[in-house]
């Protein structure tokens, strides 16, 4: 299998999507791929963050994680996005990064990049699937190749995963309600596999 460069880009206020990103990174590195994990730039005002101790703590704990930029999109053969849902869409932090990619898009540098998405919400029908599909709408404009997990992972049937992109439910204290580690890893490996096929012209 051809090794590929994968940018795992996430936004996380209290840690859920950070953990999903780290599981993806672990699986990709085990498979021999080159991985960059980067976070979307925090845009919320400090006063809002300070009202949620878990948010404030997570931001401090991950301050050394590089902030994602269009350079990461240019570098990678494939992207994996992990993002919470905001009213069935990606949060502003992720949208800002996508909007900054206009220059790359204009040069055709995002065409045939391989992408897959993951999401989270506070209840089972909280917009996770809509969020992943909203992300994919941007990818269609880019001419990227979307790799949904479908039901290629047996773990999807027991984890609450969906065919668009793995999703997880989080309770009010930030605890994941489904065991999604394996399905996240399987989705990451599948994304890299397809990217390898594209890279080798298969």
N, C-alpha and C. Protein backbone atom coordinates (compact mmCIF):
# COMPACT_ATOMS: atom_id res chain seq x y z
N UNK A 1 0.84 -1.20 0.00
CA UNK A 1 0.00 0.00 0.00
C UNK A 1 0.88 1.25 0.00
N UNK A 2 0.53 2.22 -0.82
CA UNK A 2 1.31 3.45 -0.91
C UNK A 2 1.08 4.31 0.32
N UNK A 3 2.16 4.85 0.87
CA UNK A 3 2.04 5.77 1.99
C UNK A 3 1.62 7.14 1.49
N UNK A 4 0.74 7.79 2.21
CA UNK A 4 0.23 9.09 1.80
C UNK A 4 0.37 10.08 2.94
N UNK A 5 0.21 11.36 2.61
CA UNK A 5 0.25 12.44 3.60
C UNK A 5 -1.19 12.81 3.95
N UNK A 6 -1.51 12.73 5.24
CA UNK A 6 -2.87 12.98 5.69
C UNK A 6 -2.88 14.11 6.72
N UNK A 7 -3.71 15.12 6.47
CA UNK A 7 -3.94 16.18 7.45
C UNK A 7 -5.21 15.86 8.22
N UNK A 8 -5.08 15.65 9.52
CA UNK A 8 -6.24 15.42 10.38
C UNK A 8 -6.55 16.75 11.05
N UNK A 9 -7.65 17.34 10.64
CA UNK A 9 -7.98 18.71 11.08
C UNK A 9 -9.24 18.65 11.93
N UNK A 10 -9.18 19.23 13.10
CA UNK A 10 -10.33 19.14 14.01
C UNK A 10 -10.62 20.49 14.64
N UNK A 11 -11.86 20.60 15.15
CA UNK A 11 -12.18 21.67 16.09
C UNK A 11 -12.83 21.00 17.28
N UNK A 12 -12.42 21.41 18.47
CA UNK A 12 -12.97 20.80 19.68
C UNK A 12 -12.97 21.83 20.78
N UNK A 13 -14.11 22.02 21.42
CA UNK A 13 -14.15 22.96 22.54
C UNK A 13 -13.82 22.27 23.85
N UNK A 14 -14.29 21.03 24.03
CA UNK A 14 -14.04 20.35 25.31
C UNK A 14 -13.32 19.02 25.16
N UNK A 15 -12.96 18.61 23.93
CA UNK A 15 -12.08 17.46 23.80
C UNK A 15 -12.57 16.28 22.99
N UNK A 16 -13.86 16.23 22.67
CA UNK A 16 -14.39 15.06 21.95
C UNK A 16 -13.75 14.89 20.58
N UNK A 17 -13.80 15.92 19.77
CA UNK A 17 -13.26 15.80 18.41
C UNK A 17 -11.73 15.77 18.41
N UNK A 18 -11.13 16.29 19.44
CA UNK A 18 -9.68 16.13 19.61
C UNK A 18 -9.35 14.65 19.77
N UNK A 19 -10.14 13.95 20.59
CA UNK A 19 -9.89 12.52 20.79
C UNK A 19 -10.13 11.73 19.51
N UNK A 20 -11.17 12.07 18.76
CA UNK A 20 -11.42 11.39 17.49
C UNK A 20 -10.23 11.60 16.55
N UNK A 21 -9.70 12.82 16.53
CA UNK A 21 -8.54 13.12 15.67
C UNK A 21 -7.33 12.31 16.09
N UNK A 22 -7.11 12.15 17.37
CA UNK A 22 -5.96 11.39 17.85
C UNK A 22 -6.10 9.90 17.52
N UNK A 23 -7.31 9.36 17.60
CA UNK A 23 -7.51 7.97 17.20
C UNK A 23 -7.22 7.78 15.72
N UNK A 24 -7.66 8.74 14.91
CA UNK A 24 -7.38 8.67 13.48
C UNK A 24 -5.88 8.73 13.24
N UNK A 25 -5.20 9.65 13.93
CA UNK A 25 -3.75 9.77 13.80
C UNK A 25 -3.06 8.45 14.15
N UNK A 26 -3.50 7.82 15.23
CA UNK A 26 -2.88 6.57 15.68
C UNK A 26 -2.99 5.49 14.61
N UNK A 27 -4.18 5.35 14.04
CA UNK A 27 -4.38 4.33 13.01
C UNK A 27 -3.55 4.62 11.76
N UNK A 28 -3.48 5.87 11.38
CA UNK A 28 -2.73 6.25 10.18
C UNK A 28 -1.24 6.02 10.35
N UNK A 29 -0.72 6.36 11.52
CA UNK A 29 0.71 6.16 11.77
C UNK A 29 1.05 4.67 11.84
N UNK A 30 0.14 3.88 12.43
CA UNK A 30 0.35 2.44 12.48
C UNK A 30 0.45 1.85 11.08
N UNK A 31 -0.29 2.46 10.13
CA UNK A 31 -0.28 2.00 8.75
C UNK A 31 0.87 2.58 7.94
N UNK A 32 1.70 3.42 8.57
CA UNK A 32 2.88 3.94 7.91
C UNK A 32 2.71 5.24 7.15
N UNK A 33 1.59 5.92 7.38
CA UNK A 33 1.34 7.18 6.67
C UNK A 33 1.95 8.36 7.42
N UNK A 34 2.19 9.45 6.69
CA UNK A 34 2.69 10.69 7.29
C UNK A 34 1.48 11.53 7.69
N UNK A 35 1.44 11.93 8.95
CA UNK A 35 0.24 12.57 9.48
C UNK A 35 0.57 13.91 10.13
N UNK A 36 -0.29 14.89 9.87
CA UNK A 36 -0.26 16.16 10.60
C UNK A 36 -1.61 16.31 11.28
N UNK A 37 -1.61 16.55 12.59
CA UNK A 37 -2.83 16.88 13.31
C UNK A 37 -2.81 18.39 13.58
N UNK A 38 -3.88 19.06 13.21
CA UNK A 38 -3.95 20.51 13.40
C UNK A 38 -5.36 20.90 13.82
N UNK A 39 -5.46 21.96 14.58
CA UNK A 39 -6.77 22.41 15.08
C UNK A 39 -7.21 23.68 14.37
N UNK A 40 -8.51 23.79 14.18
CA UNK A 40 -9.04 25.04 13.64
C UNK A 40 -8.84 26.14 14.68
N UNK A 41 -8.51 27.32 14.21
CA UNK A 41 -8.26 28.47 15.09
C UNK A 41 -9.49 28.78 15.93
N UNK A 42 -9.29 28.93 17.24
CA UNK A 42 -10.41 29.30 18.11
C UNK A 42 -10.82 30.75 17.84
N UNK A 43 -12.10 30.97 17.67
CA UNK A 43 -12.61 32.30 17.38
C UNK A 43 -13.48 32.87 18.50
N UNK A 44 -13.89 32.01 19.43
CA UNK A 44 -14.78 32.47 20.49
C UNK A 44 -14.07 33.45 21.41
N UNK A 45 -14.78 34.46 21.92
CA UNK A 45 -14.15 35.42 22.83
C UNK A 45 -13.77 34.76 24.15
N UNK A 46 -12.73 35.28 24.75
CA UNK A 46 -12.22 34.72 26.00
C UNK A 46 -13.29 34.69 27.09
N UNK A 47 -14.17 35.70 27.09
CA UNK A 47 -15.22 35.76 28.11
C UNK A 47 -16.16 34.56 28.00
N UNK A 48 -16.47 34.15 26.76
CA UNK A 48 -17.35 33.00 26.56
C UNK A 48 -16.67 31.71 26.99
N UNK A 49 -15.39 31.57 26.64
CA UNK A 49 -14.64 30.38 27.00
C UNK A 49 -14.52 30.26 28.51
N UNK A 50 -14.30 31.37 29.17
CA UNK A 50 -14.11 31.36 30.62
C UNK A 50 -15.36 30.91 31.38
N UNK A 51 -16.52 31.00 30.75
CA UNK A 51 -17.76 30.58 31.41
C UNK A 51 -17.91 29.06 31.43
N UNK A 52 -17.06 28.35 30.69
CA UNK A 52 -17.12 26.90 30.64
C UNK A 52 -15.74 26.36 31.04
N UNK A 53 -15.56 25.90 32.28
CA UNK A 53 -14.24 25.45 32.74
C UNK A 53 -13.64 24.34 31.87
N UNK A 54 -14.48 23.44 31.36
CA UNK A 54 -13.97 22.34 30.52
C UNK A 54 -13.41 22.88 29.22
N UNK A 55 -14.07 23.87 28.65
CA UNK A 55 -13.61 24.50 27.41
C UNK A 55 -12.29 25.21 27.65
N UNK A 56 -12.23 25.97 28.73
CA UNK A 56 -11.02 26.71 29.07
C UNK A 56 -9.85 25.75 29.31
N UNK A 57 -10.13 24.67 30.01
CA UNK A 57 -9.08 23.69 30.31
C UNK A 57 -8.57 23.01 29.05
N UNK A 58 -9.50 22.61 28.17
CA UNK A 58 -9.08 21.93 26.94
C UNK A 58 -8.26 22.85 26.05
N UNK A 59 -8.65 24.09 25.95
CA UNK A 59 -7.91 25.05 25.13
C UNK A 59 -6.48 25.21 25.65
N UNK A 60 -6.34 25.25 26.96
CA UNK A 60 -5.01 25.36 27.56
C UNK A 60 -4.19 24.10 27.30
N UNK A 61 -4.82 22.94 27.44
CA UNK A 61 -4.11 21.67 27.29
C UNK A 61 -3.65 21.43 25.85
N UNK A 62 -4.33 22.02 24.89
CA UNK A 62 -4.01 21.78 23.48
C UNK A 62 -3.39 23.00 22.81
N UNK A 63 -2.89 23.94 23.60
CA UNK A 63 -2.37 25.18 23.02
C UNK A 63 -1.16 24.95 22.13
N UNK A 64 -0.49 23.82 22.30
CA UNK A 64 0.69 23.53 21.48
C UNK A 64 0.36 22.77 20.21
N UNK A 65 -0.89 22.38 20.03
CA UNK A 65 -1.29 21.75 18.77
C UNK A 65 -1.28 22.81 17.68
N UNK A 66 -0.62 22.57 16.56
CA UNK A 66 -0.56 23.60 15.51
C UNK A 66 -1.95 24.01 15.02
N UNK A 67 -2.08 25.28 14.69
CA UNK A 67 -3.33 25.79 14.11
C UNK A 67 -3.33 25.47 12.62
N UNK A 68 -4.43 24.90 12.14
CA UNK A 68 -4.54 24.51 10.74
C UNK A 68 -4.54 25.73 9.82
N UNK A 69 -3.93 25.58 8.65
CA UNK A 69 -3.87 26.65 7.67
C UNK A 69 -4.03 26.07 6.28
N UNK A 70 -4.24 26.91 5.28
CA UNK A 70 -4.30 26.41 3.90
C UNK A 70 -3.04 25.65 3.49
N UNK A 71 -1.91 25.96 4.11
CA UNK A 71 -0.68 25.22 3.79
C UNK A 71 -0.83 23.73 4.09
N UNK A 72 -1.58 23.40 5.14
CA UNK A 72 -1.80 22.00 5.48
C UNK A 72 -2.65 21.32 4.40
N UNK A 73 -3.61 22.06 3.86
CA UNK A 73 -4.46 21.52 2.79
C UNK A 73 -3.64 21.29 1.53
N UNK A 74 -2.72 22.19 1.26
CA UNK A 74 -1.86 22.08 0.08
C UNK A 74 -0.92 20.88 0.23
N UNK A 75 -0.40 20.69 1.42
CA UNK A 75 0.57 19.63 1.71
C UNK A 75 -0.02 18.22 1.58
N UNK A 76 -1.24 18.06 2.03
CA UNK A 76 -1.81 16.72 2.21
C UNK A 76 -2.33 16.10 0.91
N UNK A 77 -2.25 14.78 0.87
CA UNK A 77 -2.94 14.01 -0.17
C UNK A 77 -4.39 13.79 0.23
N UNK A 78 -4.63 13.75 1.54
CA UNK A 78 -5.97 13.47 2.06
C UNK A 78 -6.21 14.27 3.32
N UNK A 79 -7.49 14.56 3.58
CA UNK A 79 -7.91 15.26 4.79
C UNK A 79 -8.91 14.41 5.54
N UNK A 80 -8.82 14.45 6.86
CA UNK A 80 -9.89 13.94 7.71
C UNK A 80 -10.29 15.09 8.62
N UNK A 81 -11.54 15.49 8.54
CA UNK A 81 -12.06 16.57 9.39
C UNK A 81 -12.88 15.96 10.52
N UNK A 82 -12.68 16.45 11.72
CA UNK A 82 -13.49 16.05 12.87
C UNK A 82 -14.03 17.31 13.51
N UNK A 83 -15.35 17.44 13.52
CA UNK A 83 -15.96 18.71 13.92
C UNK A 83 -17.28 18.50 14.65
N UNK A 84 -17.54 19.26 15.69
CA UNK A 84 -18.86 19.21 16.32
C UNK A 84 -19.91 19.84 15.40
N UNK A 85 -21.15 19.57 15.70
CA UNK A 85 -22.22 20.16 14.91
C UNK A 85 -22.68 21.48 15.53
N UNK A 86 -22.97 22.43 14.67
CA UNK A 86 -23.56 23.70 15.10
C UNK A 86 -24.79 23.93 14.23
N UNK A 87 -25.95 23.61 14.78
CA UNK A 87 -27.21 23.75 14.03
C UNK A 87 -27.16 23.00 12.70
N UNK A 88 -26.60 21.79 12.72
CA UNK A 88 -26.55 20.97 11.52
C UNK A 88 -25.48 21.38 10.53
N UNK A 89 -24.56 22.23 10.97
CA UNK A 89 -23.49 22.70 10.09
C UNK A 89 -22.17 22.67 10.85
N UNK A 90 -21.07 22.97 10.14
CA UNK A 90 -19.79 23.03 10.83
C UNK A 90 -19.71 24.34 11.62
N UNK A 91 -18.94 24.37 12.70
CA UNK A 91 -18.80 25.61 13.46
C UNK A 91 -18.00 26.65 12.70
N UNK A 92 -18.11 27.89 13.14
CA UNK A 92 -17.43 29.00 12.47
C UNK A 92 -15.93 28.79 12.37
N UNK A 93 -15.36 28.14 13.38
CA UNK A 93 -13.91 27.92 13.39
C UNK A 93 -13.47 27.08 12.18
N UNK A 94 -14.25 26.05 11.87
CA UNK A 94 -13.95 25.20 10.71
C UNK A 94 -14.28 25.94 9.41
N UNK A 95 -15.40 26.66 9.41
CA UNK A 95 -15.81 27.38 8.20
C UNK A 95 -14.77 28.43 7.80
N UNK A 96 -14.15 29.06 8.80
CA UNK A 96 -13.13 30.06 8.47
C UNK A 96 -11.96 29.41 7.72
N UNK A 97 -11.53 28.24 8.16
CA UNK A 97 -10.44 27.56 7.47
C UNK A 97 -10.84 27.21 6.04
N UNK A 98 -12.04 26.70 5.88
CA UNK A 98 -12.51 26.34 4.53
C UNK A 98 -12.55 27.58 3.64
N UNK A 99 -13.00 28.70 4.20
CA UNK A 99 -13.09 29.93 3.41
C UNK A 99 -11.71 30.47 3.04
N UNK A 100 -10.70 30.16 3.83
CA UNK A 100 -9.34 30.62 3.55
C UNK A 100 -8.69 29.83 2.41
N UNK A 101 -9.36 28.78 1.97
CA UNK A 101 -8.78 27.93 0.93
C UNK A 101 -9.10 28.42 -0.48
N UNK A 102 -9.66 29.61 -0.59
CA UNK A 102 -10.03 30.13 -1.90
C UNK A 102 -8.88 30.21 -2.88
N UNK A 103 -7.71 30.59 -2.39
CA UNK A 103 -6.55 30.69 -3.27
C UNK A 103 -6.15 29.35 -3.84
N UNK A 104 -6.12 28.32 -2.98
CA UNK A 104 -5.80 26.97 -3.44
C UNK A 104 -6.84 26.48 -4.43
N UNK A 105 -8.11 26.74 -4.10
CA UNK A 105 -9.21 26.35 -4.99
C UNK A 105 -9.04 27.00 -6.36
N UNK A 106 -8.72 28.29 -6.37
CA UNK A 106 -8.58 29.02 -7.62
C UNK A 106 -7.45 28.49 -8.49
N UNK A 107 -6.45 27.90 -7.85
CA UNK A 107 -5.32 27.32 -8.59
C UNK A 107 -5.53 25.85 -8.93
N UNK A 108 -6.67 25.32 -8.54
CA UNK A 108 -6.96 23.91 -8.81
C UNK A 108 -6.18 22.94 -7.94
N UNK A 109 -5.65 23.42 -6.81
CA UNK A 109 -4.80 22.56 -5.99
C UNK A 109 -5.56 21.66 -5.03
N UNK A 110 -6.87 21.81 -4.98
CA UNK A 110 -7.67 20.95 -4.10
C UNK A 110 -8.39 19.85 -4.87
N UNK A 111 -8.29 19.89 -6.18
CA UNK A 111 -8.92 18.88 -7.02
C UNK A 111 -8.28 17.52 -6.74
N UNK A 112 -9.11 16.51 -6.58
CA UNK A 112 -8.69 15.12 -6.37
C UNK A 112 -7.99 14.87 -5.04
N UNK A 113 -8.05 15.83 -4.13
CA UNK A 113 -7.67 15.52 -2.75
C UNK A 113 -8.75 14.58 -2.21
N UNK A 114 -8.38 13.70 -1.32
CA UNK A 114 -9.32 12.73 -0.76
C UNK A 114 -9.72 13.19 0.63
N UNK A 115 -11.02 13.10 0.94
CA UNK A 115 -11.50 13.66 2.20
C UNK A 115 -12.56 12.78 2.84
N UNK A 116 -12.58 12.78 4.17
CA UNK A 116 -13.64 12.12 4.92
C UNK A 116 -13.89 12.94 6.17
N UNK A 117 -15.12 12.89 6.70
CA UNK A 117 -15.49 13.72 7.84
C UNK A 117 -16.10 12.94 8.98
N UNK A 118 -15.95 13.48 10.20
CA UNK A 118 -16.55 12.92 11.41
C UNK A 118 -17.19 14.06 12.20
N UNK A 119 -18.10 13.69 13.10
CA UNK A 119 -18.79 14.74 13.84
C UNK A 119 -19.27 14.25 15.20
N UNK A 120 -19.81 15.19 15.97
CA UNK A 120 -20.36 14.87 17.29
C UNK A 120 -21.50 15.83 17.61
N UNK A 121 -22.36 15.40 18.54
CA UNK A 121 -23.44 16.26 19.02
C UNK A 121 -23.88 15.74 20.38
N UNK A 122 -24.77 16.48 21.02
CA UNK A 122 -25.18 16.11 22.38
C UNK A 122 -26.36 15.16 22.43
N UNK A 123 -26.96 14.81 21.29
CA UNK A 123 -27.99 13.78 21.29
C UNK A 123 -27.96 13.03 19.97
N UNK A 124 -28.55 11.84 19.91
CA UNK A 124 -28.41 10.98 18.73
C UNK A 124 -28.92 11.59 17.43
N UNK A 125 -29.82 12.55 17.52
CA UNK A 125 -30.34 13.18 16.31
C UNK A 125 -30.05 14.68 16.33
N UNK A 126 -28.85 15.02 16.77
CA UNK A 126 -28.48 16.41 16.98
C UNK A 126 -27.83 17.09 15.79
N UNK A 127 -27.86 16.45 14.62
CA UNK A 127 -27.34 17.11 13.43
C UNK A 127 -26.01 16.59 12.93
N UNK A 128 -25.54 15.47 13.51
CA UNK A 128 -24.22 14.96 13.10
C UNK A 128 -24.16 14.67 11.60
N UNK A 129 -25.16 13.95 11.09
CA UNK A 129 -25.14 13.58 9.67
C UNK A 129 -25.22 14.82 8.78
N UNK A 130 -26.05 15.78 9.16
CA UNK A 130 -26.17 17.02 8.39
C UNK A 130 -24.86 17.79 8.40
N UNK A 131 -24.16 17.75 9.52
CA UNK A 131 -22.88 18.45 9.63
C UNK A 131 -21.85 17.84 8.67
N UNK A 132 -21.75 16.53 8.66
CA UNK A 132 -20.81 15.87 7.75
C UNK A 132 -21.17 16.16 6.30
N UNK A 133 -22.46 16.12 5.98
CA UNK A 133 -22.89 16.39 4.60
C UNK A 133 -22.68 17.85 4.23
N UNK A 134 -22.80 18.77 5.20
CA UNK A 134 -22.49 20.18 4.94
C UNK A 134 -21.01 20.35 4.62
N UNK A 135 -20.16 19.67 5.36
CA UNK A 135 -18.73 19.68 5.07
C UNK A 135 -18.48 19.18 3.65
N UNK A 136 -19.15 18.10 3.29
CA UNK A 136 -18.94 17.51 1.97
C UNK A 136 -19.40 18.43 0.83
N UNK A 137 -20.35 19.31 1.10
CA UNK A 137 -20.77 20.26 0.07
C UNK A 137 -19.59 21.13 -0.35
N UNK A 138 -18.81 21.60 0.62
CA UNK A 138 -17.61 22.37 0.30
C UNK A 138 -16.62 21.52 -0.49
N UNK A 139 -16.48 20.26 -0.09
CA UNK A 139 -15.54 19.38 -0.78
C UNK A 139 -15.94 19.17 -2.25
N UNK A 140 -17.23 19.17 -2.52
CA UNK A 140 -17.71 19.05 -3.90
C UNK A 140 -17.27 20.25 -4.72
N UNK A 141 -17.34 21.43 -4.12
CA UNK A 141 -16.88 22.64 -4.82
C UNK A 141 -15.38 22.57 -5.09
N UNK A 142 -14.65 21.94 -4.20
CA UNK A 142 -13.22 21.81 -4.38
C UNK A 142 -12.85 20.80 -5.46
N UNK A 143 -13.77 19.91 -5.79
CA UNK A 143 -13.43 18.81 -6.69
C UNK A 143 -12.70 17.70 -5.98
N UNK A 144 -12.84 17.67 -4.65
CA UNK A 144 -12.21 16.63 -3.85
C UNK A 144 -12.96 15.31 -4.02
N UNK A 145 -12.31 14.23 -3.66
CA UNK A 145 -12.92 12.90 -3.73
C UNK A 145 -13.36 12.51 -2.33
N UNK A 146 -14.66 12.44 -2.13
CA UNK A 146 -15.23 12.16 -0.81
C UNK A 146 -15.23 10.65 -0.57
N UNK A 147 -14.74 10.26 0.59
CA UNK A 147 -14.69 8.85 0.96
C UNK A 147 -15.53 8.65 2.22
N UNK A 148 -16.82 8.35 2.06
CA UNK A 148 -17.63 8.05 3.22
C UNK A 148 -17.31 6.64 3.71
N UNK A 149 -17.45 6.37 5.00
CA UNK A 149 -17.14 5.03 5.48
C UNK A 149 -18.17 3.99 5.07
N UNK A 150 -19.40 4.46 4.73
CA UNK A 150 -20.45 3.48 4.47
C UNK A 150 -20.57 2.55 5.67
N UNK A 151 -20.67 1.26 5.38
CA UNK A 151 -20.66 0.27 6.46
C UNK A 151 -19.51 -0.70 6.23
N UNK A 152 -18.36 -0.14 5.85
CA UNK A 152 -17.18 -0.95 5.57
C UNK A 152 -16.52 -1.45 6.85
N UNK A 153 -16.87 -0.86 7.98
CA UNK A 153 -16.34 -1.30 9.27
C UNK A 153 -17.42 -2.04 10.03
N UNK A 154 -17.11 -3.23 10.47
CA UNK A 154 -18.08 -3.99 11.27
C UNK A 154 -18.44 -3.22 12.54
N UNK A 155 -17.51 -2.42 13.04
CA UNK A 155 -17.75 -1.67 14.27
C UNK A 155 -18.87 -0.65 14.12
N UNK A 156 -19.17 -0.26 12.88
CA UNK A 156 -20.22 0.74 12.66
C UNK A 156 -21.59 0.26 13.15
N UNK A 157 -21.79 -1.05 13.13
CA UNK A 157 -23.10 -1.59 13.51
C UNK A 157 -23.33 -1.58 15.01
N UNK A 158 -22.27 -1.43 15.78
CA UNK A 158 -22.41 -1.43 17.24
C UNK A 158 -22.01 -0.11 17.88
N UNK A 159 -21.51 0.82 17.07
CA UNK A 159 -20.98 2.07 17.63
C UNK A 159 -21.91 3.26 17.47
N UNK A 160 -23.01 3.08 16.73
CA UNK A 160 -23.86 4.23 16.44
C UNK A 160 -23.34 5.07 15.30
N UNK A 161 -22.34 4.55 14.58
CA UNK A 161 -21.79 5.26 13.44
C UNK A 161 -22.80 5.37 12.31
N UNK A 162 -22.54 6.23 11.38
CA UNK A 162 -23.44 6.39 10.24
C UNK A 162 -22.64 6.30 8.95
N UNK A 163 -23.29 6.08 7.81
CA UNK A 163 -22.55 5.85 6.57
C UNK A 163 -21.89 7.08 5.97
N UNK A 164 -22.23 8.27 6.45
CA UNK A 164 -21.66 9.51 5.90
C UNK A 164 -20.28 9.80 6.48
N UNK A 165 -20.14 9.54 7.77
CA UNK A 165 -18.91 9.78 8.50
C UNK A 165 -19.17 9.50 9.96
N UNK A 166 -18.22 8.88 10.62
CA UNK A 166 -18.44 8.48 12.01
C UNK A 166 -18.96 9.65 12.84
N UNK A 167 -19.88 9.35 13.74
CA UNK A 167 -20.36 10.38 14.66
C UNK A 167 -20.52 9.78 16.04
N UNK A 168 -20.49 10.66 17.02
CA UNK A 168 -20.60 10.20 18.41
C UNK A 168 -21.50 11.16 19.18
N UNK A 169 -22.21 10.60 20.15
CA UNK A 169 -23.06 11.39 21.04
C UNK A 169 -22.29 11.66 22.33
N UNK A 170 -22.39 12.89 22.81
CA UNK A 170 -21.65 13.29 24.00
C UNK A 170 -22.64 13.82 25.04
N UNK A 171 -22.49 13.37 26.29
CA UNK A 171 -23.40 13.85 27.32
C UNK A 171 -22.97 15.23 27.81
N UNK A 172 -23.73 15.77 28.76
CA UNK A 172 -23.49 17.12 29.24
C UNK A 172 -22.14 17.32 29.92
N UNK A 173 -21.50 16.22 30.30
CA UNK A 173 -20.19 16.30 30.94
C UNK A 173 -19.06 15.95 29.98
N UNK A 174 -19.39 15.78 28.71
CA UNK A 174 -18.37 15.52 27.71
C UNK A 174 -17.99 14.06 27.52
N UNK A 175 -18.77 13.15 28.08
CA UNK A 175 -18.47 11.72 27.96
C UNK A 175 -19.11 11.14 26.70
N UNK A 176 -18.33 10.43 25.91
CA UNK A 176 -18.86 9.78 24.71
C UNK A 176 -19.81 8.66 25.11
N UNK A 177 -20.94 8.59 24.41
CA UNK A 177 -21.97 7.61 24.74
C UNK A 177 -21.86 6.33 23.92
N UNK A 178 -21.02 6.33 22.89
CA UNK A 178 -20.79 5.13 22.10
C UNK A 178 -19.29 4.85 22.05
N UNK A 179 -18.95 3.59 21.84
CA UNK A 179 -17.55 3.20 21.69
C UNK A 179 -17.20 3.30 20.21
N UNK A 180 -16.56 4.39 19.83
CA UNK A 180 -16.32 4.65 18.41
C UNK A 180 -14.84 4.56 18.01
N UNK A 181 -13.99 4.17 18.92
CA UNK A 181 -12.55 4.16 18.61
C UNK A 181 -12.24 3.33 17.37
N UNK A 182 -12.78 2.11 17.29
CA UNK A 182 -12.44 1.24 16.17
C UNK A 182 -12.99 1.76 14.86
N UNK A 183 -14.22 2.27 14.88
CA UNK A 183 -14.81 2.75 13.62
C UNK A 183 -14.09 4.01 13.13
N UNK A 184 -13.60 4.84 14.06
CA UNK A 184 -12.79 6.00 13.67
C UNK A 184 -11.51 5.53 12.99
N UNK A 185 -10.85 4.57 13.59
CA UNK A 185 -9.60 4.06 13.02
C UNK A 185 -9.83 3.42 11.66
N UNK A 186 -10.93 2.68 11.52
CA UNK A 186 -11.23 2.05 10.24
C UNK A 186 -11.52 3.10 9.16
N UNK A 187 -12.24 4.16 9.54
CA UNK A 187 -12.54 5.23 8.59
C UNK A 187 -11.25 5.92 8.14
N UNK A 188 -10.35 6.16 9.08
CA UNK A 188 -9.08 6.81 8.75
C UNK A 188 -8.27 5.95 7.79
N UNK A 189 -8.19 4.66 8.07
CA UNK A 189 -7.41 3.77 7.22
C UNK A 189 -8.02 3.66 5.82
N UNK A 190 -9.33 3.63 5.74
CA UNK A 190 -9.99 3.56 4.44
C UNK A 190 -9.71 4.83 3.63
N UNK A 191 -9.76 5.98 4.28
CA UNK A 191 -9.49 7.25 3.60
C UNK A 191 -8.08 7.24 3.01
N UNK A 192 -7.11 6.81 3.81
CA UNK A 192 -5.73 6.76 3.33
C UNK A 192 -5.56 5.73 2.21
N UNK A 193 -6.27 4.63 2.30
CA UNK A 193 -6.18 3.61 1.26
C UNK A 193 -6.64 4.17 -0.09
N UNK A 194 -7.77 4.86 -0.08
CA UNK A 194 -8.27 5.44 -1.32
C UNK A 194 -7.32 6.52 -1.82
N UNK A 195 -6.77 7.31 -0.90
CA UNK A 195 -5.81 8.34 -1.30
C UNK A 195 -4.59 7.71 -1.97
N UNK A 196 -4.19 6.56 -1.48
CA UNK A 196 -3.07 5.86 -2.10
C UNK A 196 -3.39 5.42 -3.51
N UNK A 197 -4.62 4.95 -3.73
CA UNK A 197 -5.04 4.56 -5.07
C UNK A 197 -5.02 5.77 -6.02
N UNK A 198 -5.53 6.88 -5.53
CA UNK A 198 -5.56 8.10 -6.35
C UNK A 198 -4.14 8.56 -6.66
N UNK A 199 -3.29 8.56 -5.65
CA UNK A 199 -1.92 9.01 -5.81
C UNK A 199 -1.17 8.16 -6.84
N UNK A 200 -1.47 6.89 -6.88
CA UNK A 200 -0.80 5.97 -7.81
C UNK A 200 -1.53 5.82 -9.13
N UNK A 201 -2.61 6.60 -9.30
CA UNK A 201 -3.34 6.55 -10.56
C UNK A 201 -4.07 5.25 -10.81
N UNK A 202 -4.51 4.59 -9.73
CA UNK A 202 -5.20 3.32 -9.90
C UNK A 202 -6.68 3.58 -10.16
